[in-house]
């Protein structure tokens, strides 16, 4: 998931049960925070359940503008399992956030990424996760309202970072 999703919890640490992961079936499972990185807006949660489906990582370095993608999430927090479709609008985008923090290497898409979709996958047409949905721009930098400008953290970055975290956390082995 994203750091900004668990941010209110992470500064003080978490214990099992403080976080909840809701599956597509509606089942709610307790989780705990393994690690997080504010600069990359990523967080890794651990859920005790041996029978969960997995997805395959795609290679985000091969993603090109114009490719069709699917964004999955819980739009506005009220519409779980929402799916939107669009195209990759750009790659290697940099986005300046508050506190002069810049996240680089992002995938830009026009697939609707709404509040509540954060942490959900951006998937290619082969069903591979090529990104983690993270940000939207609602207002243009100059003026006016922006539409269809969403961003995802590239899967290659997310995979590398989460593999490091998993390797370092003995409780996950």
N, C-alpha and C. Protein backbone atom coordinates (compact mmCIF):
# COMPACT_ATOMS: atom_id res chain seq x y z
N UNK A 1 0.85 -1.18 0.00
CA UNK A 1 0.00 0.00 0.00
C UNK A 1 0.90 1.24 0.00
N UNK A 2 0.28 2.39 0.18
CA UNK A 2 1.04 3.64 0.22
C UNK A 2 1.33 4.08 1.65
N UNK A 3 2.44 4.77 1.80
CA UNK A 3 2.80 5.37 3.09
C UNK A 3 1.70 6.29 3.57
N UNK A 4 1.16 7.13 2.67
CA UNK A 4 0.16 8.11 3.12
C UNK A 4 -1.14 7.46 3.59
N UNK A 5 -1.35 6.19 3.26
CA UNK A 5 -2.53 5.47 3.74
C UNK A 5 -2.37 5.08 5.21
N UNK A 6 -1.14 4.72 5.62
CA UNK A 6 -0.89 4.29 7.00
C UNK A 6 -0.14 5.34 7.81
N UNK A 7 0.13 6.49 7.22
CA UNK A 7 0.92 7.54 7.85
C UNK A 7 0.46 7.91 9.26
N UNK A 8 -0.83 8.06 9.53
CA UNK A 8 -1.21 8.42 10.90
C UNK A 8 -0.82 7.37 11.92
N UNK A 9 -0.60 6.14 11.48
CA UNK A 9 -0.29 5.05 12.39
C UNK A 9 1.20 4.86 12.54
N UNK A 10 1.96 4.99 11.46
CA UNK A 10 3.36 4.57 11.44
C UNK A 10 4.31 5.31 12.37
N UNK A 11 4.14 6.60 12.69
CA UNK A 11 5.14 7.23 13.55
C UNK A 11 5.24 6.62 14.94
N UNK A 12 4.16 6.07 15.46
CA UNK A 12 4.19 5.49 16.79
C UNK A 12 4.35 3.98 16.76
N UNK A 13 4.41 3.41 15.57
CA UNK A 13 4.51 1.96 15.45
C UNK A 13 3.13 1.34 15.50
N UNK A 14 3.04 0.11 15.10
CA UNK A 14 1.75 -0.56 15.11
C UNK A 14 1.88 -1.93 15.73
N UNK A 15 0.78 -2.43 16.17
CA UNK A 15 0.71 -3.79 16.65
C UNK A 15 -0.36 -4.50 15.84
N UNK A 16 -0.27 -5.80 15.77
CA UNK A 16 -1.25 -6.57 15.02
C UNK A 16 -2.66 -6.20 15.46
N UNK A 17 -3.53 -6.00 14.50
CA UNK A 17 -4.91 -5.67 14.81
C UNK A 17 -5.21 -4.19 14.67
N UNK A 18 -4.20 -3.33 14.65
CA UNK A 18 -4.45 -1.90 14.51
C UNK A 18 -4.78 -1.53 13.08
N UNK A 19 -4.36 -2.36 12.13
CA UNK A 19 -4.68 -2.14 10.73
C UNK A 19 -5.59 -3.27 10.27
N UNK A 20 -6.42 -2.97 9.28
CA UNK A 20 -7.31 -3.98 8.74
C UNK A 20 -7.20 -3.98 7.23
N UNK A 21 -7.08 -5.15 6.65
CA UNK A 21 -7.09 -5.32 5.21
C UNK A 21 -8.42 -5.97 4.85
N UNK A 22 -9.14 -5.36 3.91
CA UNK A 22 -10.44 -5.89 3.50
C UNK A 22 -10.27 -6.52 2.13
N UNK A 23 -10.58 -7.81 2.04
CA UNK A 23 -10.44 -8.55 0.80
C UNK A 23 -11.63 -8.27 -0.12
N UNK A 24 -11.53 -8.69 -1.37
CA UNK A 24 -12.62 -8.48 -2.33
C UNK A 24 -13.90 -9.19 -1.90
N UNK A 25 -13.76 -10.21 -1.07
CA UNK A 25 -14.92 -10.95 -0.56
C UNK A 25 -15.63 -10.19 0.55
N UNK A 26 -14.99 -9.12 1.05
CA UNK A 26 -15.53 -8.37 2.17
C UNK A 26 -14.95 -8.80 3.51
N UNK A 27 -14.21 -9.91 3.51
CA UNK A 27 -13.58 -10.39 4.74
C UNK A 27 -12.53 -9.38 5.21
N UNK A 28 -12.58 -9.04 6.50
CA UNK A 28 -11.62 -8.11 7.09
C UNK A 28 -10.60 -8.88 7.91
N UNK A 29 -9.32 -8.64 7.62
CA UNK A 29 -8.25 -9.35 8.31
C UNK A 29 -7.34 -8.37 9.02
N UNK A 30 -6.91 -8.71 10.26
CA UNK A 30 -5.96 -7.85 10.95
C UNK A 30 -4.60 -7.88 10.24
N UNK A 31 -3.91 -6.76 10.29
CA UNK A 31 -2.60 -6.66 9.65
C UNK A 31 -1.69 -5.83 10.53
N UNK A 32 -0.38 -5.92 10.26
CA UNK A 32 0.53 -5.01 10.93
C UNK A 32 1.51 -4.44 9.92
N UNK A 33 2.03 -3.29 10.27
CA UNK A 33 2.96 -2.58 9.40
C UNK A 33 4.34 -3.20 9.54
N UNK A 34 4.91 -3.65 8.43
CA UNK A 34 6.26 -4.22 8.43
C UNK A 34 7.28 -3.11 8.26
N UNK A 35 7.05 -2.25 7.26
CA UNK A 35 7.99 -1.16 6.97
C UNK A 35 7.28 -0.12 6.12
N UNK A 36 7.85 1.09 6.11
CA UNK A 36 7.30 2.14 5.25
C UNK A 36 8.41 3.11 4.86
N UNK A 37 8.16 3.83 3.77
CA UNK A 37 9.12 4.79 3.25
C UNK A 37 8.36 5.99 2.73
N UNK A 38 8.44 7.10 3.46
CA UNK A 38 7.71 8.32 3.09
C UNK A 38 8.17 8.86 1.75
N UNK A 39 9.47 8.84 1.50
CA UNK A 39 10.02 9.41 0.28
C UNK A 39 9.50 8.71 -0.97
N UNK A 40 9.24 7.42 -0.88
CA UNK A 40 8.72 6.65 -2.02
C UNK A 40 7.21 6.42 -1.92
N UNK A 41 6.59 6.87 -0.82
CA UNK A 41 5.16 6.69 -0.56
C UNK A 41 4.75 5.22 -0.63
N UNK A 42 5.56 4.36 -0.02
CA UNK A 42 5.26 2.94 0.01
C UNK A 42 5.23 2.41 1.43
N UNK A 43 4.40 1.40 1.66
CA UNK A 43 4.34 0.73 2.95
C UNK A 43 4.03 -0.74 2.69
N UNK A 44 4.55 -1.60 3.56
CA UNK A 44 4.33 -3.03 3.44
C UNK A 44 3.57 -3.51 4.67
N UNK A 45 2.45 -4.18 4.44
CA UNK A 45 1.64 -4.75 5.52
C UNK A 45 1.77 -6.27 5.49
N UNK A 46 1.66 -6.87 6.67
CA UNK A 46 1.67 -8.33 6.78
C UNK A 46 0.30 -8.77 7.26
N UNK A 47 -0.28 -9.71 6.53
CA UNK A 47 -1.58 -10.27 6.87
C UNK A 47 -1.40 -11.77 7.08
N UNK A 48 -1.87 -12.28 8.20
CA UNK A 48 -1.79 -13.72 8.47
C UNK A 48 -2.95 -14.42 7.80
N UNK A 49 -2.69 -15.00 6.65
CA UNK A 49 -3.70 -15.78 5.95
C UNK A 49 -2.98 -16.53 4.84
N UNK A 50 -2.87 -17.82 4.94
CA UNK A 50 -2.11 -18.59 3.99
C UNK A 50 -2.80 -18.87 2.68
N UNK A 51 -4.05 -18.47 2.53
CA UNK A 51 -4.82 -18.83 1.35
C UNK A 51 -5.22 -17.60 0.53
N UNK A 52 -4.31 -16.65 0.40
CA UNK A 52 -4.64 -15.44 -0.35
C UNK A 52 -4.08 -15.54 -1.76
N UNK A 53 -4.84 -15.05 -2.73
CA UNK A 53 -4.32 -15.07 -4.10
C UNK A 53 -3.16 -14.09 -4.24
N UNK A 54 -2.33 -14.33 -5.22
CA UNK A 54 -1.21 -13.43 -5.48
C UNK A 54 -1.29 -12.95 -6.93
N UNK A 55 -0.63 -11.85 -7.19
CA UNK A 55 -0.55 -11.33 -8.55
C UNK A 55 0.91 -11.34 -8.98
N UNK A 56 1.12 -11.26 -10.25
CA UNK A 56 2.48 -11.22 -10.77
C UNK A 56 2.91 -9.78 -10.98
N UNK A 57 4.17 -9.52 -10.65
CA UNK A 57 4.75 -8.21 -10.93
C UNK A 57 5.04 -8.11 -12.42
N UNK A 58 4.74 -6.96 -12.99
CA UNK A 58 5.14 -6.66 -14.36
C UNK A 58 6.40 -5.81 -14.32
N UNK A 59 7.02 -5.62 -15.45
CA UNK A 59 8.23 -4.81 -15.53
C UNK A 59 7.84 -3.39 -15.94
N UNK A 60 7.82 -2.49 -14.98
CA UNK A 60 7.42 -1.10 -15.25
C UNK A 60 8.41 -0.38 -16.14
N UNK A 61 9.61 -0.90 -16.27
CA UNK A 61 10.59 -0.26 -17.15
C UNK A 61 10.24 -0.47 -18.62
N UNK A 62 9.35 -1.40 -18.91
CA UNK A 62 8.93 -1.65 -20.28
C UNK A 62 7.63 -0.93 -20.65
N UNK A 63 7.04 -0.23 -19.68
CA UNK A 63 5.78 0.47 -19.92
C UNK A 63 6.01 1.67 -20.82
N UNK A 64 5.11 1.87 -21.79
CA UNK A 64 5.22 2.97 -22.73
C UNK A 64 3.90 3.74 -22.82
N UNK A 65 3.97 5.04 -23.08
CA UNK A 65 2.74 5.82 -23.27
C UNK A 65 1.86 5.19 -24.35
N UNK A 66 0.55 5.22 -24.11
CA UNK A 66 -0.41 4.65 -25.03
C UNK A 66 -0.86 3.25 -24.67
N UNK A 67 -0.15 2.58 -23.77
CA UNK A 67 -0.55 1.22 -23.36
C UNK A 67 -1.79 1.30 -22.48
N UNK A 68 -2.69 0.34 -22.68
CA UNK A 68 -3.89 0.25 -21.87
C UNK A 68 -3.56 -0.28 -20.48
N UNK A 69 -4.21 0.30 -19.46
CA UNK A 69 -4.01 -0.12 -18.08
C UNK A 69 -5.34 -0.13 -17.34
N UNK A 70 -5.37 -0.85 -16.23
CA UNK A 70 -6.54 -0.93 -15.37
C UNK A 70 -6.11 -0.51 -13.97
N UNK A 71 -6.86 0.42 -13.38
CA UNK A 71 -6.61 0.84 -12.00
C UNK A 71 -7.68 0.21 -11.11
N UNK A 72 -7.24 -0.40 -10.01
CA UNK A 72 -8.16 -1.08 -9.10
C UNK A 72 -8.03 -0.45 -7.73
N UNK A 73 -9.17 -0.25 -7.06
CA UNK A 73 -9.12 0.33 -5.73
C UNK A 73 -10.50 0.40 -5.11
N UNK A 74 -10.61 1.28 -4.14
CA UNK A 74 -11.86 1.48 -3.42
C UNK A 74 -12.22 2.96 -3.55
N UNK A 75 -12.75 3.31 -4.69
CA UNK A 75 -13.00 4.72 -5.01
C UNK A 75 -13.78 5.42 -3.91
N UNK A 76 -13.23 6.53 -3.46
CA UNK A 76 -13.81 7.36 -2.41
C UNK A 76 -13.99 6.62 -1.10
N UNK A 77 -13.46 5.41 -1.01
CA UNK A 77 -13.61 4.60 0.20
C UNK A 77 -14.98 3.98 0.32
N UNK A 78 -15.89 4.35 -0.57
CA UNK A 78 -17.27 3.88 -0.51
C UNK A 78 -17.61 2.84 -1.57
N UNK A 79 -16.74 2.71 -2.56
CA UNK A 79 -17.03 1.82 -3.68
C UNK A 79 -15.90 0.80 -3.84
N UNK A 80 -15.90 -0.23 -2.97
CA UNK A 80 -14.81 -1.21 -3.02
C UNK A 80 -14.80 -1.96 -4.34
N UNK A 81 -13.61 -2.45 -4.69
CA UNK A 81 -13.41 -3.25 -5.89
C UNK A 81 -13.75 -2.48 -7.16
N UNK A 82 -13.51 -1.17 -7.16
CA UNK A 82 -13.75 -0.36 -8.35
C UNK A 82 -12.63 -0.59 -9.36
N UNK A 83 -13.01 -0.64 -10.61
CA UNK A 83 -12.06 -0.84 -11.69
C UNK A 83 -12.28 0.25 -12.73
N UNK A 84 -11.19 0.91 -13.13
CA UNK A 84 -11.26 1.89 -14.20
C UNK A 84 -10.20 1.54 -15.23
N UNK A 85 -10.42 1.97 -16.45
CA UNK A 85 -9.48 1.64 -17.52
C UNK A 85 -9.02 2.93 -18.19
N UNK A 86 -7.81 2.92 -18.67
CA UNK A 86 -7.27 4.09 -19.35
C UNK A 86 -5.98 3.71 -20.04
N UNK A 87 -5.19 4.72 -20.34
CA UNK A 87 -3.89 4.48 -20.97
C UNK A 87 -2.80 5.12 -20.15
N UNK A 88 -1.58 4.66 -20.38
CA UNK A 88 -0.42 5.31 -19.79
C UNK A 88 -0.24 6.62 -20.55
N UNK A 89 -0.25 7.72 -19.82
CA UNK A 89 -0.10 9.04 -20.43
C UNK A 89 1.35 9.47 -20.50
N UNK A 90 2.18 8.97 -19.59
CA UNK A 90 3.58 9.34 -19.56
C UNK A 90 4.33 8.46 -18.57
N UNK A 91 5.64 8.43 -18.70
CA UNK A 91 6.49 7.66 -17.79
C UNK A 91 7.60 8.56 -17.27
N UNK A 92 8.19 8.13 -16.19
CA UNK A 92 9.29 8.87 -15.55
C UNK A 92 8.88 10.30 -15.19
N UNK A 93 7.68 10.44 -14.68
CA UNK A 93 7.20 11.75 -14.25
C UNK A 93 7.69 12.02 -12.83
N UNK A 94 7.92 13.29 -12.54
CA UNK A 94 8.28 13.72 -11.19
C UNK A 94 7.12 14.56 -10.66
N UNK A 95 6.79 14.37 -9.41
CA UNK A 95 5.69 15.08 -8.79
C UNK A 95 6.18 15.71 -7.49
N UNK A 96 6.07 17.03 -7.40
CA UNK A 96 6.47 17.74 -6.18
C UNK A 96 5.29 17.77 -5.22
N UNK A 97 5.55 17.32 -4.01
CA UNK A 97 4.52 17.28 -2.99
C UNK A 97 4.82 18.33 -1.94
N UNK A 98 4.07 18.32 -0.88
CA UNK A 98 4.32 19.25 0.21
C UNK A 98 5.69 19.03 0.81
N UNK A 99 6.19 19.99 1.53
CA UNK A 99 7.51 19.93 2.17
C UNK A 99 8.65 19.78 1.16
N UNK A 100 8.44 20.24 -0.07
CA UNK A 100 9.45 20.17 -1.13
C UNK A 100 9.93 18.75 -1.40
N UNK A 101 9.10 17.77 -1.08
CA UNK A 101 9.43 16.38 -1.37
C UNK A 101 9.05 16.09 -2.82
N UNK A 102 9.91 15.40 -3.54
CA UNK A 102 9.66 15.06 -4.93
C UNK A 102 9.74 13.55 -5.08
N UNK A 103 8.71 12.98 -5.70
CA UNK A 103 8.72 11.56 -6.03
C UNK A 103 8.97 11.48 -7.53
N UNK A 104 9.97 10.70 -7.91
CA UNK A 104 10.36 10.62 -9.31
C UNK A 104 10.07 9.24 -9.88
N UNK A 105 10.07 9.18 -11.20
CA UNK A 105 9.92 7.91 -11.90
C UNK A 105 8.49 7.41 -11.98
N UNK A 106 7.51 8.27 -11.72
CA UNK A 106 6.12 7.84 -11.66
C UNK A 106 5.55 7.53 -13.05
N UNK A 107 4.55 6.66 -13.07
CA UNK A 107 3.78 6.37 -14.27
C UNK A 107 2.55 7.27 -14.23
N UNK A 108 2.32 8.04 -15.28
CA UNK A 108 1.14 8.89 -15.37
C UNK A 108 0.08 8.15 -16.18
N UNK A 109 -1.16 8.18 -15.72
CA UNK A 109 -2.25 7.51 -16.42
C UNK A 109 -3.51 8.36 -16.39
N UNK A 110 -4.37 8.13 -17.39
CA UNK A 110 -5.67 8.79 -17.37
C UNK A 110 -6.76 7.85 -16.83
N UNK A 111 -6.38 6.62 -16.43
CA UNK A 111 -7.34 5.74 -15.75
C UNK A 111 -7.73 6.45 -14.46
N UNK A 112 -9.00 6.51 -14.17
CA UNK A 112 -9.46 7.27 -13.00
C UNK A 112 -8.88 6.68 -11.72
N UNK A 113 -8.07 7.48 -11.05
CA UNK A 113 -7.54 7.14 -9.73
C UNK A 113 -8.14 8.16 -8.78
N UNK A 114 -9.09 7.70 -8.00
CA UNK A 114 -9.80 8.59 -7.09
C UNK A 114 -9.31 8.41 -5.67
N UNK A 115 -9.68 9.34 -4.82
CA UNK A 115 -9.39 9.20 -3.40
C UNK A 115 -9.95 7.84 -2.96
N UNK A 116 -9.15 7.08 -2.26
CA UNK A 116 -9.55 5.75 -1.84
C UNK A 116 -8.93 4.66 -2.70
N UNK A 117 -8.42 5.01 -3.88
CA UNK A 117 -7.75 4.03 -4.74
C UNK A 117 -6.28 3.86 -4.38
N UNK A 118 -5.77 4.71 -3.49
CA UNK A 118 -4.35 4.65 -3.13
C UNK A 118 -3.99 3.26 -2.63
N UNK A 119 -2.85 2.78 -3.08
CA UNK A 119 -2.36 1.47 -2.67
C UNK A 119 -2.86 0.34 -3.53
N UNK A 120 -3.84 0.62 -4.39
CA UNK A 120 -4.34 -0.40 -5.29
C UNK A 120 -3.41 -0.57 -6.48
N UNK A 121 -3.55 -1.66 -7.19
CA UNK A 121 -2.64 -1.91 -8.31
C UNK A 121 -3.06 -1.19 -9.59
N UNK A 122 -2.04 -0.83 -10.37
CA UNK A 122 -2.21 -0.43 -11.76
C UNK A 122 -1.74 -1.63 -12.56
N UNK A 123 -2.62 -2.19 -13.36
CA UNK A 123 -2.39 -3.48 -13.99
C UNK A 123 -2.36 -3.34 -15.51
N UNK A 124 -1.45 -4.07 -16.17
CA UNK A 124 -1.45 -4.07 -17.64
C UNK A 124 -2.47 -5.10 -18.14
N UNK A 125 -2.62 -5.21 -19.44
CA UNK A 125 -3.63 -6.11 -20.00
C UNK A 125 -3.26 -7.59 -19.88
N UNK A 126 -2.04 -7.88 -19.42
CA UNK A 126 -1.65 -9.25 -19.12
C UNK A 126 -1.95 -9.62 -17.67
N UNK A 127 -2.55 -8.68 -16.92
CA UNK A 127 -2.89 -8.93 -15.52
C UNK A 127 -1.72 -8.76 -14.58
N UNK A 128 -0.63 -8.15 -15.03
CA UNK A 128 0.55 -7.94 -14.20
C UNK A 128 0.50 -6.56 -13.56
N UNK A 129 0.94 -6.48 -12.30
CA UNK A 129 0.99 -5.20 -11.60
C UNK A 129 2.20 -4.41 -12.12
N UNK A 130 1.91 -3.26 -12.74
CA UNK A 130 2.99 -2.42 -13.25
C UNK A 130 3.17 -1.17 -12.40
N UNK A 131 2.26 -0.96 -11.43
CA UNK A 131 2.39 0.21 -10.57
C UNK A 131 1.46 0.11 -9.37
N UNK A 132 1.71 0.99 -8.41
CA UNK A 132 0.86 1.12 -7.22
C UNK A 132 0.23 2.51 -7.29
N UNK A 133 -1.11 2.55 -7.40
CA UNK A 133 -1.81 3.84 -7.51
C UNK A 133 -1.48 4.70 -6.30
N UNK A 134 -1.19 5.98 -6.56
CA UNK A 134 -0.74 6.80 -5.44
C UNK A 134 -1.30 8.21 -5.38
N UNK A 135 -1.29 8.96 -6.48
CA UNK A 135 -1.69 10.37 -6.42
C UNK A 135 -2.56 10.75 -7.61
N UNK A 136 -3.35 11.80 -7.40
CA UNK A 136 -4.10 12.44 -8.48
C UNK A 136 -3.86 13.93 -8.38
N UNK A 137 -4.01 14.58 -9.51
CA UNK A 137 -3.98 16.04 -9.51
C UNK A 137 -5.38 16.50 -9.86
N UNK A 138 -5.94 17.34 -9.02
CA UNK A 138 -7.30 17.83 -9.25
C UNK A 138 -7.32 19.24 -9.80
N UNK A 139 -6.30 20.01 -9.48
CA UNK A 139 -6.23 21.38 -9.99
C UNK A 139 -4.92 21.55 -10.73
N UNK A 140 -5.00 22.25 -11.84
CA UNK A 140 -3.80 22.51 -12.61
C UNK A 140 -2.87 23.43 -11.85
N UNK A 141 -1.61 23.36 -12.16
CA UNK A 141 -0.62 24.19 -11.45
C UNK A 141 -0.82 25.66 -11.76
N UNK A 142 -1.33 25.97 -12.94
CA UNK A 142 -1.54 27.38 -13.28
C UNK A 142 -2.91 27.84 -12.79
N UNK A 143 -3.93 27.17 -13.20
CA UNK A 143 -5.29 27.44 -12.73
C UNK A 143 -6.23 26.47 -13.40
N UNK A 144 -7.41 26.36 -12.83
CA UNK A 144 -8.40 25.48 -13.43
C UNK A 144 -8.38 24.10 -12.82
N UNK A 145 -9.33 23.30 -13.28
CA UNK A 145 -9.49 21.95 -12.77
C UNK A 145 -8.83 20.97 -13.75
N UNK A 146 -8.08 20.05 -13.22
CA UNK A 146 -7.43 19.03 -14.04
C UNK A 146 -8.23 17.73 -13.93
N UNK A 147 -8.30 16.99 -15.01
CA UNK A 147 -8.95 15.69 -15.01
C UNK A 147 -8.06 14.69 -15.70
N UNK A 148 -8.11 13.45 -15.24
CA UNK A 148 -7.37 12.39 -15.90
C UNK A 148 -5.88 12.44 -15.71
N UNK A 149 -5.44 12.99 -14.57
CA UNK A 149 -4.01 13.02 -14.29
C UNK A 149 -3.76 12.26 -12.99
N UNK A 150 -3.50 10.97 -13.13
CA UNK A 150 -3.22 10.12 -11.99
C UNK A 150 -1.81 9.57 -12.10
N UNK A 151 -1.28 9.13 -10.97
CA UNK A 151 0.10 8.65 -10.93
C UNK A 151 0.19 7.34 -10.16
N UNK A 152 1.14 6.52 -10.58
CA UNK A 152 1.41 5.24 -9.91
C UNK A 152 2.91 5.10 -9.71
N UNK A 153 3.27 4.49 -8.58
CA UNK A 153 4.66 4.18 -8.30
C UNK A 153 5.02 2.97 -9.16
N UNK A 154 6.12 3.01 -9.89
CA UNK A 154 6.48 1.90 -10.77
C UNK A 154 6.67 0.58 -10.01
N UNK A 155 6.21 -0.50 -10.61
CA UNK A 155 6.29 -1.81 -9.96
C UNK A 155 7.72 -2.23 -9.67
N UNK A 156 8.65 -1.86 -10.53
CA UNK A 156 10.03 -2.27 -10.32
C UNK A 156 10.56 -1.68 -9.02
N UNK A 157 10.27 -0.42 -8.77
CA UNK A 157 10.67 0.22 -7.51
C UNK A 157 9.96 -0.44 -6.33
N UNK A 158 8.65 -0.63 -6.44
CA UNK A 158 7.87 -1.23 -5.35
C UNK A 158 8.36 -2.64 -5.04
N UNK A 159 8.59 -3.43 -6.07
CA UNK A 159 9.06 -4.81 -5.88
C UNK A 159 10.42 -4.84 -5.20
N UNK A 160 11.35 -4.03 -5.69
CA UNK A 160 12.70 -4.02 -5.10
C UNK A 160 12.66 -3.62 -3.63
N UNK A 161 11.89 -2.58 -3.31
CA UNK A 161 11.83 -2.10 -1.93
C UNK A 161 11.14 -3.12 -1.02
N UNK A 162 10.03 -3.70 -1.47
CA UNK A 162 9.33 -4.66 -0.61
C UNK A 162 10.15 -5.94 -0.44
N UNK A 163 10.89 -6.35 -1.46
CA UNK A 163 11.75 -7.52 -1.29
C UNK A 163 12.83 -7.27 -0.25
N UNK A 164 13.39 -6.06 -0.21
CA UNK A 164 14.37 -5.70 0.82
C UNK A 164 13.73 -5.78 2.20
N UNK A 165 12.54 -5.22 2.33
CA UNK A 165 11.84 -5.24 3.62
C UNK A 165 11.54 -6.65 4.07
N UNK A 166 11.08 -7.49 3.16
CA UNK A 166 10.76 -8.87 3.50
C UNK A 166 12.02 -9.61 3.93
N UNK A 167 13.11 -9.41 3.22
CA UNK A 167 14.38 -10.08 3.57
C UNK A 167 14.88 -9.65 4.94
N UNK A 168 14.61 -8.40 5.32
CA UNK A 168 15.12 -7.87 6.59
C UNK A 168 14.22 -8.24 7.78
N UNK A 169 12.99 -8.62 7.53
CA UNK A 169 12.03 -8.90 8.62
C UNK A 169 11.96 -10.40 8.88
N UNK A 170 12.60 -10.84 9.96
CA UNK A 170 12.66 -12.26 10.28
C UNK A 170 11.29 -12.85 10.57
N UNK A 171 10.33 -12.02 10.97
CA UNK A 171 9.00 -12.53 11.28
C UNK A 171 8.25 -12.98 10.02
N UNK A 172 8.73 -12.57 8.84
CA UNK A 172 8.06 -12.94 7.60
C UNK A 172 8.63 -14.22 6.98
N UNK A 173 9.64 -14.80 7.61
CA UNK A 173 10.27 -15.98 7.02
C UNK A 173 9.73 -17.26 7.59
